[in-house]
């Protein structure tokens, strides 16, 4: 009888051990998995935040320069982005002015041609004119003592120098001084209407569209 009771006790203990092991497996696996997932999340979340921060900064740079075409580096978050041109669309902008003081604005990389058409007022006297193009108070180009039609070209590299990242967008003034003459001026340049680029690094490979609207540019993901 003692042996039978001993066997019964051992059997109960084994059954309890098996049940305990089964319960532990059921409840510990989710906990272990959760711990693993939490660790992975801790590794992934900072990268995600840095990527989003970097993309927001890229957007800001594109707002300032829609023709941006150089690597973008943010050392504080250890992010670098390459820009690859996919497509660009332009429309020809043609402006005509009378009078001796006028202005126009350019906000993308392009050659700008400013033409001057002169006519003599009194045929009995000498005639000529001087003209200059001013940007932010600085004379960009000038001509003087001219009595024939002339053209001044502002090179696209002045608008945006990809080597050093310098830009000179914004308003330009045409200032003319006439002497026994009348001068009309014209301005022509390529106005960016749409641009598509590929933004890429080790974590992202995304197409971005830049679309001109009435007063600004809309920057958006391209699906």
Protein backbone atom coordinates (compact mmCIF):
# COMPACT_ATOMS: atom_id res chain seq x y z
CA UNK A 1 0.00 0.00 0.00
CA UNK A 2 2.89 2.33 0.83
CA UNK A 3 4.42 1.77 -2.60
CA UNK A 4 1.12 2.47 -4.31
CA UNK A 5 0.74 5.74 -2.37
CA UNK A 6 4.32 6.65 -3.32
CA UNK A 7 3.67 6.02 -6.99
CA UNK A 8 0.51 8.09 -6.79
CA UNK A 9 2.38 11.01 -5.16
CA UNK A 10 5.14 10.92 -7.81
CA UNK A 11 2.49 10.83 -10.54
CA UNK A 12 0.77 13.91 -9.11
CA UNK A 13 4.09 15.77 -8.88
CA UNK A 14 4.97 14.91 -12.51
CA UNK A 15 1.51 15.98 -13.67
CA UNK A 16 1.88 19.31 -11.83
CA UNK A 17 5.35 19.85 -13.37
CA UNK A 18 4.01 19.15 -16.87
CA UNK A 19 1.07 21.50 -16.33
CA UNK A 20 3.37 24.22 -14.95
CA UNK A 21 5.71 23.90 -17.94
CA UNK A 22 2.81 24.13 -20.37
CA UNK A 23 1.40 27.22 -18.65
CA UNK A 24 4.87 28.83 -18.56
CA UNK A 25 5.32 28.23 -22.28
CA UNK A 26 1.95 29.75 -23.09
CA UNK A 27 2.47 32.90 -21.01
CA UNK A 28 6.24 33.42 -21.35
CA UNK A 29 6.41 33.27 -25.17
CA UNK A 30 4.29 36.42 -25.69
CA UNK A 31 6.33 38.18 -23.00
CA UNK A 32 9.61 37.16 -24.65
CA UNK A 33 8.30 38.15 -28.06
CA UNK A 34 7.08 41.47 -26.68
CA UNK A 35 10.50 42.15 -25.19
CA UNK A 36 12.15 41.33 -28.50
CA UNK A 37 9.71 43.53 -30.43
CA UNK A 38 10.25 46.36 -27.95
CA UNK A 39 14.01 46.14 -28.44
CA UNK A 40 13.57 46.17 -32.23
CA UNK A 41 11.21 49.13 -31.96
CA UNK A 42 13.77 51.03 -29.88
CA UNK A 43 16.27 50.48 -32.69
CA UNK A 44 13.83 51.36 -35.49
CA UNK A 45 11.98 54.38 -34.04
CA UNK A 46 15.02 56.71 -33.83
CA UNK A 47 15.89 55.88 -37.45
CA UNK A 48 12.31 56.62 -38.51
CA UNK A 49 12.27 59.92 -36.62
CA UNK A 50 15.61 60.93 -38.14
CA UNK A 51 14.37 60.03 -41.63
CA UNK A 52 11.21 62.09 -41.20
CA UNK A 53 13.24 64.97 -39.78
CA UNK A 54 15.61 64.74 -42.74
CA UNK A 55 12.78 64.68 -45.28
CA UNK A 56 11.18 67.75 -43.70
CA UNK A 57 14.51 69.56 -44.02
CA UNK A 58 14.81 68.49 -47.66
CA UNK A 59 11.34 69.94 -48.29
CA UNK A 60 12.45 73.20 -46.69
CA UNK A 61 15.54 73.34 -48.92
CA UNK A 62 13.45 72.64 -52.02
CA UNK A 63 11.09 75.47 -51.05
CA UNK A 64 14.10 77.79 -51.00
CA UNK A 65 15.55 76.42 -54.24
CA UNK A 66 13.28 74.43 -56.55
CA UNK A 67 16.23 73.80 -58.88
CA UNK A 68 18.29 72.17 -56.10
CA UNK A 69 20.52 69.55 -57.68
CA UNK A 70 23.30 68.62 -55.28
CA UNK A 71 23.80 66.16 -52.39
CA UNK A 72 22.09 67.28 -49.17
CA UNK A 73 23.94 66.52 -45.94
CA UNK A 74 22.63 66.93 -42.38
CA UNK A 75 25.59 66.12 -40.16
CA UNK A 76 23.66 66.50 -36.89
CA UNK A 77 21.38 63.57 -37.74
CA UNK A 78 23.94 61.72 -39.91
CA UNK A 79 21.74 61.82 -43.00
CA UNK A 80 22.76 62.36 -46.62
CA UNK A 81 20.37 62.49 -49.58
CA UNK A 82 21.12 62.25 -53.29
CA UNK A 83 18.95 64.12 -55.80
CA UNK A 84 18.47 62.69 -59.28
CA UNK A 85 16.67 64.69 -61.96
CA UNK A 86 13.77 62.74 -63.49
CA UNK A 87 11.84 65.36 -65.44
CA UNK A 88 11.48 69.15 -65.74
CA UNK A 89 8.88 71.22 -67.57
CA UNK A 90 9.11 74.93 -68.37
CA UNK A 91 7.13 77.64 -70.07
CA UNK A 92 8.67 80.61 -71.83
CA UNK A 93 8.16 83.84 -69.90
CA UNK A 94 8.19 86.96 -72.11
CA UNK A 95 7.83 90.42 -70.56
CA UNK A 96 7.82 93.85 -72.19
CA UNK A 97 8.38 97.19 -70.47
CA UNK A 98 8.33 100.88 -71.27
CA UNK A 99 9.76 103.54 -69.03
CA UNK A 100 13.13 103.76 -67.36
CA UNK A 101 12.52 101.72 -64.20
CA UNK A 102 10.95 98.26 -64.12
CA UNK A 103 11.30 94.96 -62.30
CA UNK A 104 10.77 91.23 -62.73
CA UNK A 105 11.24 88.12 -60.59
CA UNK A 106 12.94 84.79 -61.25
CA UNK A 107 12.89 81.83 -58.84
CA UNK A 108 14.46 78.94 -60.73
CA UNK A 109 17.73 78.25 -62.50
CA UNK A 110 17.63 79.66 -66.04
CA UNK A 111 19.38 82.06 -68.41
CA UNK A 112 17.67 85.47 -68.37
CA UNK A 113 17.83 87.64 -71.49
CA UNK A 114 17.13 91.37 -71.14
CA UNK A 115 16.80 93.22 -74.45
CA UNK A 116 16.87 96.97 -75.12
CA UNK A 117 15.34 98.60 -78.19
CA UNK A 118 16.35 102.24 -78.63
CA UNK A 119 14.94 105.00 -80.80
CA UNK A 120 16.20 108.57 -81.29
CA UNK A 121 13.96 111.40 -80.11
CA UNK A 122 15.46 114.37 -81.98
CA UNK A 123 17.42 113.55 -85.12
CA UNK A 124 19.48 116.73 -84.79
CA UNK A 125 21.18 115.64 -81.59
CA UNK A 126 23.30 112.76 -80.45
CA UNK A 127 21.46 110.04 -78.58
CA UNK A 128 22.48 107.18 -76.34
CA UNK A 129 21.43 105.32 -73.20
CA UNK A 130 22.85 103.57 -70.15
CA UNK A 131 21.25 100.54 -68.50
CA UNK A 132 21.94 98.34 -65.51
CA UNK A 133 20.41 95.28 -63.88
CA UNK A 134 20.26 95.41 -60.08
CA UNK A 135 19.61 92.57 -57.62
CA UNK A 136 19.48 93.15 -53.86
CA UNK A 137 21.16 96.51 -54.32
CA UNK A 138 24.04 95.06 -56.35
CA UNK A 139 24.63 95.79 -60.04
CA UNK A 140 24.65 92.43 -61.81
CA UNK A 141 25.32 93.74 -65.34
CA UNK A 142 25.42 97.08 -67.13
CA UNK A 143 25.94 98.79 -70.47
CA UNK A 144 26.71 102.44 -71.17
CA UNK A 145 26.83 104.96 -74.02
CA UNK A 146 24.89 102.72 -76.41
CA UNK A 147 22.85 103.94 -79.38
CA UNK A 148 21.95 100.52 -80.79
CA UNK A 149 19.74 97.67 -79.63
CA UNK A 150 21.49 95.51 -77.07
CA UNK A 151 20.92 92.34 -75.03
CA UNK A 152 22.23 91.51 -71.57
CA UNK A 153 22.22 87.85 -70.48
CA UNK A 154 22.27 86.82 -66.84
CA UNK A 155 23.80 83.35 -66.86
CA UNK A 156 21.93 80.53 -65.15
CA UNK A 157 25.03 79.88 -63.03
CA UNK A 158 24.49 83.27 -61.39
CA UNK A 159 20.91 82.30 -60.54
CA UNK A 160 22.08 79.02 -59.02
CA UNK A 161 25.66 77.84 -58.71
CA UNK A 162 25.54 74.09 -58.07
CA UNK A 163 29.22 74.04 -57.08
CA UNK A 164 28.86 76.22 -53.99
CA UNK A 165 25.06 76.13 -53.58
CA UNK A 166 24.72 79.93 -53.87
CA UNK A 167 21.44 81.27 -55.29
CA UNK A 168 20.37 84.69 -56.52
CA UNK A 169 16.63 84.33 -57.00
CA UNK A 170 14.07 87.05 -56.45
CA UNK A 171 13.41 90.50 -57.84
CA UNK A 172 15.61 92.20 -60.44
CA UNK A 173 15.42 95.86 -61.38
CA UNK A 174 16.02 97.32 -64.83
CA UNK A 175 17.24 100.91 -64.53
CA UNK A 176 17.75 102.97 -67.70
CA UNK A 177 19.13 106.47 -68.21
CA UNK A 178 18.27 107.97 -71.62
CA UNK A 179 19.78 110.91 -73.49
CA UNK A 180 17.69 112.13 -76.41
CA UNK A 181 16.36 108.60 -76.73
CA UNK A 182 13.49 106.32 -75.88
CA UNK A 183 14.18 102.77 -74.77
CA UNK A 184 11.88 99.76 -74.43
CA UNK A 185 13.05 96.65 -72.62
CA UNK A 186 12.11 92.99 -72.85
CA UNK A 187 12.79 90.05 -70.56
CA UNK A 188 12.65 86.37 -71.47
CA UNK A 189 13.50 83.24 -69.48
CA UNK A 190 12.33 79.66 -68.87
CA UNK A 191 9.86 79.52 -66.00
CA UNK A 192 9.74 76.18 -64.16
CA UNK A 193 6.20 74.75 -64.03
CA UNK A 194 6.91 71.18 -62.87
CA UNK A 195 9.90 69.18 -61.73
CA UNK A 196 10.21 65.57 -60.66
CA UNK A 197 13.23 64.27 -58.76
CA UNK A 198 14.27 61.07 -57.03
CA UNK A 199 15.37 61.45 -53.40
CA UNK A 200 17.49 58.55 -52.19
CA UNK A 201 19.81 57.28 -49.47
CA UNK A 202 20.31 53.97 -47.63
CA UNK A 203 16.77 54.13 -46.18
CA UNK A 204 14.66 55.88 -48.80
CA UNK A 205 14.06 55.87 -52.54
CA UNK A 206 11.21 58.29 -53.22
CA UNK A 207 9.96 60.34 -56.16
CA UNK A 208 9.10 63.94 -55.30
CA UNK A 209 7.10 66.35 -57.45
CA UNK A 210 7.48 70.14 -57.45
CA UNK A 211 4.49 71.90 -58.99
CA UNK A 212 4.14 75.64 -59.50
CA UNK A 213 0.92 77.16 -58.24
CA UNK A 214 -0.23 80.78 -58.30
CA UNK A 215 2.22 82.26 -55.81
CA UNK A 216 4.48 79.41 -54.76
CA UNK A 217 5.45 75.79 -55.33
CA UNK A 218 3.70 72.68 -54.02
CA UNK A 219 6.09 69.87 -53.03
CA UNK A 220 4.64 66.39 -52.75
CA UNK A 221 5.35 62.66 -52.96
CA UNK A 222 4.77 61.05 -56.36
CA UNK A 223 3.14 57.62 -56.11
